[in-house]
């Protein structure tokens, strides 16, 4: 199998090379492309058997038609989400789609906690103050997570990992998830979670039902000054609605590791460019907003698991074995 890996970053290549060596397969060779896969770059796939993509690659009907013309037999996602792949088009062309269903759920859950604590205790602001010789505590007041009500929307593996951490803080955890079973949390409906939570964290997939799940209506049901965290998919939030809620102080804190239009921004260095996204520029102008560039997954353990599972998927496709992680 000749595998074209798109949106390649230098930090992930050693993990793929190490996992490839451990797989001990001479049948897989990897070519790394820094470019994202989209309609413009799809011609690069000519001569390859499979493509490997990440969260911000565009694998729509147009791209899949091109892949089919070149004889590409599989699309390997090195992530859990697959909202950027047209599954119907892939099925129509008999192109297999595989993903990495779980890669260190604790990595994302721990990053979620980091966003909560940083926003709450303002450690990023304290760091800058102290470096400048300013030890004034005014403006740095936080609150205890102990006995606060924290709502989790979506309680899959990442949500459950977050529940375990929050229980350690002594928080009162609410969960809204139609598929969740009873656990160390209180199951409730969405309106109850929105109205009772001091902190709300999103951990659900992006689909037609969850697109802009947090909109003006949802925000209106929340407590004044609520903290909202999103480490899942950017389009779960209506960014303009969040801006309005920040301006009225309905949102007291907003922590984002994802953004609806992140494909044009994240994983790249834009320091010498003029920011063209006015919505993003407005979001980061608020002192109570913290944005990280989709790094929730970014731990050694997670990168190792992503590489191992992706290459195992490639191995199964190459040898026509049952596909452990096929998306249908």
Protein backbone atom coordinates (compact mmCIF):
# COMPACT_ATOMS: atom_id res chain seq x y z
CA UNK A 1 0.00 0.00 0.00
CA UNK A 2 1.18 3.47 -0.94
CA UNK A 3 -0.28 5.86 1.62
CA UNK A 4 -0.55 9.64 1.11
CA UNK A 5 -0.73 11.40 4.48
CA UNK A 6 -2.17 14.92 4.21
CA UNK A 7 -1.98 17.89 6.60
CA UNK A 8 1.26 16.36 7.81
CA UNK A 9 3.04 17.99 10.73
CA UNK A 10 6.69 17.44 11.69
CA UNK A 11 5.73 16.43 15.21
CA UNK A 12 3.68 13.40 14.09
CA UNK A 13 6.07 11.88 11.55
CA UNK A 14 8.35 10.22 14.14
CA UNK A 15 5.33 8.52 15.72
CA UNK A 16 4.22 7.13 12.35
CA UNK A 17 7.72 5.94 11.47
CA UNK A 18 8.10 4.26 14.86
CA UNK A 19 4.69 2.59 14.57
CA UNK A 20 5.41 1.48 11.01
CA UNK A 21 8.63 -0.16 12.16
CA UNK A 22 6.81 -1.88 15.03
CA UNK A 23 4.14 -3.13 12.62
CA UNK A 24 6.97 -4.80 10.71
CA UNK A 25 5.13 -4.45 7.42
CA UNK A 26 7.02 -3.99 4.18
CA UNK A 27 3.73 -3.53 2.36
CA UNK A 28 3.06 0.04 3.56
CA UNK A 29 4.99 3.13 2.49
CA UNK A 30 4.05 6.64 3.60
CA UNK A 31 4.43 9.91 1.72
CA UNK A 32 3.89 13.02 3.83
CA UNK A 33 2.18 16.10 2.40
CA UNK A 34 2.00 19.32 4.41
CA UNK A 35 -0.94 20.47 2.27
CA UNK A 36 -4.48 19.66 3.39
CA UNK A 37 -6.53 17.40 1.18
CA UNK A 38 -9.16 19.31 -0.78
CA UNK A 39 -10.34 19.74 -4.36
CA UNK A 40 -7.18 21.67 -5.26
CA UNK A 41 -4.70 19.16 -3.83
CA UNK A 42 -6.61 15.98 -4.73
CA UNK A 43 -4.45 15.43 -7.88
CA UNK A 44 -1.54 14.67 -5.52
CA UNK A 45 -3.33 11.40 -4.75
CA UNK A 46 -2.60 9.94 -8.17
CA UNK A 47 -0.57 6.76 -7.82
CA UNK A 48 -1.57 6.15 -4.20
CA UNK A 49 -3.71 3.34 -2.83
CA UNK A 50 -4.96 5.13 0.24
CA UNK A 51 -5.12 8.62 1.75
CA UNK A 52 -4.78 9.58 5.40
CA UNK A 53 -6.54 12.76 6.55
CA UNK A 54 -7.08 14.84 9.67
CA UNK A 55 -9.86 17.03 11.07
CA UNK A 56 -9.54 19.97 8.68
CA UNK A 57 -9.10 18.09 5.41
CA UNK A 58 -12.05 18.34 3.02
CA UNK A 59 -13.15 14.96 1.74
CA UNK A 60 -16.36 15.90 0.00
CA UNK A 61 -18.09 14.47 -3.06
CA UNK A 62 -15.77 16.32 -5.46
CA UNK A 63 -12.62 15.04 -3.76
CA UNK A 64 -13.96 11.50 -3.49
CA UNK A 65 -14.81 11.45 -7.20
CA UNK A 66 -11.18 12.35 -7.90
CA UNK A 67 -9.93 9.67 -5.50
CA UNK A 68 -12.10 7.11 -7.25
CA UNK A 69 -10.69 8.11 -10.65
CA UNK A 70 -7.18 7.48 -9.32
CA UNK A 71 -8.10 4.09 -7.86
CA UNK A 72 -7.76 5.08 -4.21
CA UNK A 73 -9.39 2.29 -2.20
CA UNK A 74 -9.53 3.73 1.32
CA UNK A 75 -9.67 6.91 3.37
CA UNK A 76 -7.95 6.62 6.74
CA UNK A 77 -8.91 9.25 9.32
CA UNK A 78 -6.33 9.80 12.04
CA UNK A 79 -9.03 11.20 14.31
CA UNK A 80 -12.34 10.07 15.80
CA UNK A 81 -14.69 12.49 14.03
CA UNK A 82 -15.69 11.93 10.41
CA UNK A 83 -17.98 14.91 9.72
CA UNK A 84 -15.56 16.14 7.02
CA UNK A 85 -16.02 12.99 4.91
CA UNK A 86 -18.95 12.44 2.53
CA UNK A 87 -19.71 8.86 3.55
CA UNK A 88 -22.41 8.41 0.93
CA UNK A 89 -20.00 9.37 -1.86
CA UNK A 90 -17.35 7.03 -0.45
CA UNK A 91 -19.83 4.17 -0.30
CA UNK A 92 -21.00 4.85 -3.84
CA UNK A 93 -17.42 4.44 -5.06
CA UNK A 94 -16.70 1.46 -2.75
CA UNK A 95 -14.00 3.43 -0.93
CA UNK A 96 -13.53 2.19 2.62
CA UNK A 97 -13.42 4.75 5.44
CA UNK A 98 -11.68 3.95 8.74
CA UNK A 99 -11.04 6.12 11.78
CA UNK A 100 -9.29 6.16 15.14
CA UNK A 101 -12.28 5.84 17.49
CA UNK A 102 -10.35 6.57 20.68
CA UNK A 103 -6.89 7.99 21.28
CA UNK A 104 -6.21 8.72 24.90
CA UNK A 105 -9.57 10.19 25.94
CA UNK A 106 -7.75 11.38 29.04
CA UNK A 107 -5.65 13.76 26.89
CA UNK A 108 -8.68 15.76 25.78
CA UNK A 109 -10.36 15.55 29.18
CA UNK A 110 -7.24 16.84 30.93
CA UNK A 111 -6.94 19.70 28.42
CA UNK A 112 -10.56 20.56 29.16
CA UNK A 113 -9.67 20.82 32.84
CA UNK A 114 -6.68 22.99 31.94
CA UNK A 115 -8.99 25.41 30.13
CA UNK A 116 -11.39 25.48 33.07
CA UNK A 117 -8.69 26.14 35.65
CA UNK A 118 -6.85 28.69 33.53
CA UNK A 119 -10.00 30.69 32.86
CA UNK A 120 -11.13 30.42 36.48
CA UNK A 121 -7.87 31.05 38.35
CA UNK A 122 -6.44 33.27 35.60
CA UNK A 123 -3.02 31.66 35.80
CA UNK A 124 -2.13 32.91 32.29
CA UNK A 125 -2.64 36.50 33.44
CA UNK A 126 -0.83 35.89 36.75
CA UNK A 127 2.16 34.48 34.84
CA UNK A 128 2.50 37.64 32.77
CA UNK A 129 2.04 39.91 35.78
CA UNK A 130 4.72 38.22 37.85
CA UNK A 131 7.20 38.28 34.98
CA UNK A 132 6.71 42.06 34.91
CA UNK A 133 7.15 42.37 38.68
CA UNK A 134 3.44 42.91 39.31
CA UNK A 135 2.17 40.87 42.26
CA UNK A 136 -1.21 42.58 42.56
CA UNK A 137 -4.05 40.05 43.01
CA UNK A 138 -6.84 42.38 41.96
CA UNK A 139 -8.63 40.99 38.92
CA UNK A 140 -7.43 37.42 39.53
CA UNK A 141 -10.27 36.22 41.77
CA UNK A 142 -11.51 32.71 40.98
CA UNK A 143 -13.87 30.15 42.49
CA UNK A 144 -13.71 26.57 43.77
CA UNK A 145 -14.68 23.71 41.50
CA UNK A 146 -15.64 21.83 44.65
CA UNK A 147 -19.45 21.45 44.82
CA UNK A 148 -19.99 23.43 41.62
CA UNK A 149 -22.47 21.99 39.12
CA UNK A 150 -20.70 21.02 35.90
CA UNK A 151 -22.70 19.87 32.91
CA UNK A 152 -21.28 17.54 30.28
CA UNK A 153 -23.06 17.30 26.93
CA UNK A 154 -22.03 13.98 25.41
CA UNK A 155 -20.62 11.28 27.66
CA UNK A 156 -18.61 8.99 25.42
CA UNK A 157 -15.05 8.00 26.28
CA UNK A 158 -13.81 11.59 26.58
CA UNK A 159 -16.87 12.68 28.53
CA UNK A 160 -16.47 9.74 30.91
CA UNK A 161 -12.79 10.55 31.42
CA UNK A 162 -13.83 14.10 32.32
CA UNK A 163 -16.46 12.79 34.74
CA UNK A 164 -13.76 10.81 36.56
CA UNK A 165 -11.59 13.91 36.96
CA UNK A 166 -14.46 16.15 38.06
CA UNK A 167 -15.57 13.62 40.66
CA UNK A 168 -12.09 13.98 42.11
CA UNK A 169 -12.68 17.72 42.45
CA UNK A 170 -15.89 17.02 44.33
CA UNK A 171 -18.06 18.63 41.65
CA UNK A 172 -21.73 17.87 41.07
CA UNK A 173 -21.72 16.41 37.53
CA UNK A 174 -24.77 16.53 35.25
CA UNK A 175 -24.80 14.60 31.97
CA UNK A 176 -26.99 14.95 28.91
CA UNK A 177 -26.50 12.09 26.46
CA UNK A 178 -29.36 10.06 24.94
CA UNK A 179 -27.14 6.98 24.90
CA UNK A 180 -25.54 7.26 28.34
CA UNK A 181 -26.12 4.68 31.04
CA UNK A 182 -26.29 5.38 34.75
CA UNK A 183 -22.93 6.27 36.28
CA UNK A 184 -21.14 8.51 38.76
CA UNK A 185 -23.16 11.50 37.58
CA UNK A 186 -26.76 12.69 37.31
CA UNK A 187 -28.48 12.09 33.97
CA UNK A 188 -30.81 14.90 32.95
CA UNK A 189 -32.41 16.54 29.94
CA UNK A 190 -30.64 19.29 28.01
CA UNK A 191 -32.72 22.16 29.37
CA UNK A 192 -32.04 21.11 32.96
CA UNK A 193 -28.31 20.91 32.27
CA UNK A 194 -28.24 24.31 30.58
CA UNK A 195 -30.17 26.04 33.37
CA UNK A 196 -28.44 24.47 36.39
CA UNK A 197 -24.77 24.23 35.37
CA UNK A 198 -22.07 26.64 36.50
CA UNK A 199 -19.76 25.18 33.86
CA UNK A 200 -20.80 23.44 30.62
CA UNK A 201 -18.45 21.30 28.55
CA UNK A 202 -19.20 19.90 25.08
CA UNK A 203 -18.14 16.38 24.12
CA UNK A 204 -20.57 15.33 21.40
CA UNK A 205 -20.04 14.62 17.70
CA UNK A 206 -20.91 17.17 15.02
CA UNK A 207 -23.89 16.24 12.88
CA UNK A 208 -27.16 17.77 11.66
CA UNK A 209 -28.71 17.49 15.12
CA UNK A 210 -25.79 19.07 17.00
CA UNK A 211 -24.79 21.81 14.54
CA UNK A 212 -25.02 25.11 16.47
CA UNK A 213 -26.35 23.20 19.48
CA UNK A 214 -25.29 26.21 21.53
CA UNK A 215 -27.15 29.11 19.93
CA UNK A 216 -29.00 32.18 21.20
CA UNK A 217 -31.81 30.03 22.57
CA UNK A 218 -29.50 27.68 24.46
CA UNK A 219 -27.43 30.54 25.85
CA UNK A 220 -30.56 32.29 27.10
CA UNK A 221 -31.33 29.23 29.29
CA UNK A 222 -27.92 29.32 31.01
CA UNK A 223 -27.01 30.93 34.31
CA UNK A 224 -25.57 34.46 34.14
CA UNK A 225 -21.78 34.25 34.15
CA UNK A 226 -21.66 30.58 33.10
CA UNK A 227 -18.40 29.06 31.86
CA UNK A 228 -18.59 27.30 28.48
CA UNK A 229 -15.88 24.92 27.24
CA UNK A 230 -15.66 23.36 23.78
CA UNK A 231 -12.94 20.83 22.97
CA UNK A 232 -15.07 18.83 20.54
CA UNK A 233 -16.02 20.45 17.19
CA UNK A 234 -16.18 24.16 16.45
CA UNK A 235 -19.57 24.18 14.76
CA UNK A 236 -21.30 22.95 17.92
CA UNK A 237 -21.24 26.63 18.86
CA UNK A 238 -22.79 29.57 17.06
CA UNK A 239 -19.80 31.90 17.38
CA UNK A 240 -21.81 35.09 16.80
CA UNK A 241 -24.30 34.05 19.46
CA UNK A 242 -21.40 33.52 21.86
CA UNK A 243 -20.07 36.98 21.08
CA UNK A 244 -23.44 38.49 21.95
CA UNK A 245 -23.56 36.47 25.17
CA UNK A 246 -20.07 37.65 26.10
CA UNK A 247 -21.06 41.27 25.51
CA UNK A 248 -24.10 40.94 27.80
CA UNK A 249 -22.06 38.97 30.37
CA UNK A 250 -24.39 35.97 30.09
CA UNK A 251 -21.19 34.09 29.26
CA UNK A 252 -18.69 34.75 32.01
CA UNK A 253 -15.96 32.57 30.53
CA UNK A 254 -15.41 30.87 27.18
CA UNK A 255 -12.72 28.26 26.57
CA UNK A 256 -12.22 26.95 23.03
CA UNK A 257 -9.86 24.38 21.60
CA UNK A 258 -11.85 24.29 18.36
CA UNK A 259 -13.43 26.90 16.11
CA UNK A 260 -16.04 26.69 13.36
CA UNK A 261 -13.74 28.14 10.68
CA UNK A 262 -10.52 26.69 12.09
CA UNK A 263 -9.44 25.04 8.85
CA UNK A 264 -8.24 28.44 7.64
CA UNK A 265 -6.34 29.17 10.86
CA UNK A 266 -5.24 26.25 12.99
CA UNK A 267 -2.01 24.23 12.66
CA UNK A 268 -0.31 27.13 10.83
CA UNK A 269 1.80 30.14 11.80
CA UNK A 270 -0.02 33.39 10.94
CA UNK A 271 2.12 35.81 12.95
CA UNK A 272 3.12 37.87 9.92
CA UNK A 273 -0.36 38.00 8.41
CA UNK A 274 -3.36 40.27 8.86
CA UNK A 275 -6.22 38.37 10.48
CA UNK A 276 -9.09 38.19 8.00
CA UNK A 277 -11.61 36.40 10.22
CA UNK A 278 -13.52 39.17 12.00
CA UNK A 279 -15.52 36.76 14.14
CA UNK A 280 -12.39 35.07 15.49
CA UNK A 281 -10.72 38.44 16.05
CA UNK A 282 -13.71 39.59 18.09
CA UNK A 283 -13.75 36.40 20.14
CA UNK A 284 -10.11 36.62 21.18
CA UNK A 285 -10.51 40.32 22.04
CA UNK A 286 -12.50 39.44 25.17
CA UNK A 287 -10.41 39.15 28.34
CA UNK A 288 -12.49 36.19 29.54
CA UNK A 289 -11.98 34.10 26.39
CA UNK A 290 -9.20 31.53 26.10
CA UNK A 291 -8.45 29.84 22.77
CA UNK A 292 -5.98 27.04 22.08
CA UNK A 293 -5.32 25.78 18.56
CA UNK A 294 -6.87 22.30 18.62
CA UNK A 295 -4.22 20.86 20.91
CA UNK A 296 -6.47 18.89 23.23
CA UNK A 297 -5.27 15.62 21.67
CA UNK A 298 -1.63 16.71 21.70
CA UNK A 299 0.14 14.33 24.07
CA UNK A 300 2.79 11.71 23.45
CA UNK A 301 0.38 8.96 24.38
CA UNK A 302 -2.35 10.18 22.03
CA UNK A 303 -0.02 10.66 19.05
CA UNK A 304 1.38 7.18 19.57
CA UNK A 305 -2.11 5.66 19.68
CA UNK A 306 -3.22 7.61 16.60
CA UNK A 307 -0.26 6.35 14.58
CA UNK A 308 -0.62 2.76 15.75
CA UNK A 309 -4.36 2.56 15.06
CA UNK A 310 -4.13 4.35 11.71
CA UNK A 311 -1.42 1.99 10.48
CA UNK A 312 -3.31 -1.04 11.81
CA UNK A 313 -6.29 0.18 9.77
CA UNK A 314 -4.00 0.48 6.75
CA UNK A 315 -2.68 -3.04 7.35
CA UNK A 316 -6.21 -4.45 7.48
CA UNK A 317 -7.17 -2.69 4.26
CA UNK A 318 -3.99 -3.78 2.47
CA UNK A 319 -4.48 -7.43 3.43
CA UNK A 320 -8.25 -7.40 2.93
CA UNK A 321 -8.84 -8.29 6.57
CA UNK A 322 -12.00 -7.43 8.54
CA UNK A 323 -11.88 -3.71 9.28
CA UNK A 324 -11.89 -3.06 13.02
CA UNK A 325 -12.62 0.67 12.76
CA UNK A 326 -14.64 1.05 9.59
CA UNK A 327 -17.11 3.94 9.40
CA UNK A 328 -20.24 2.89 7.54
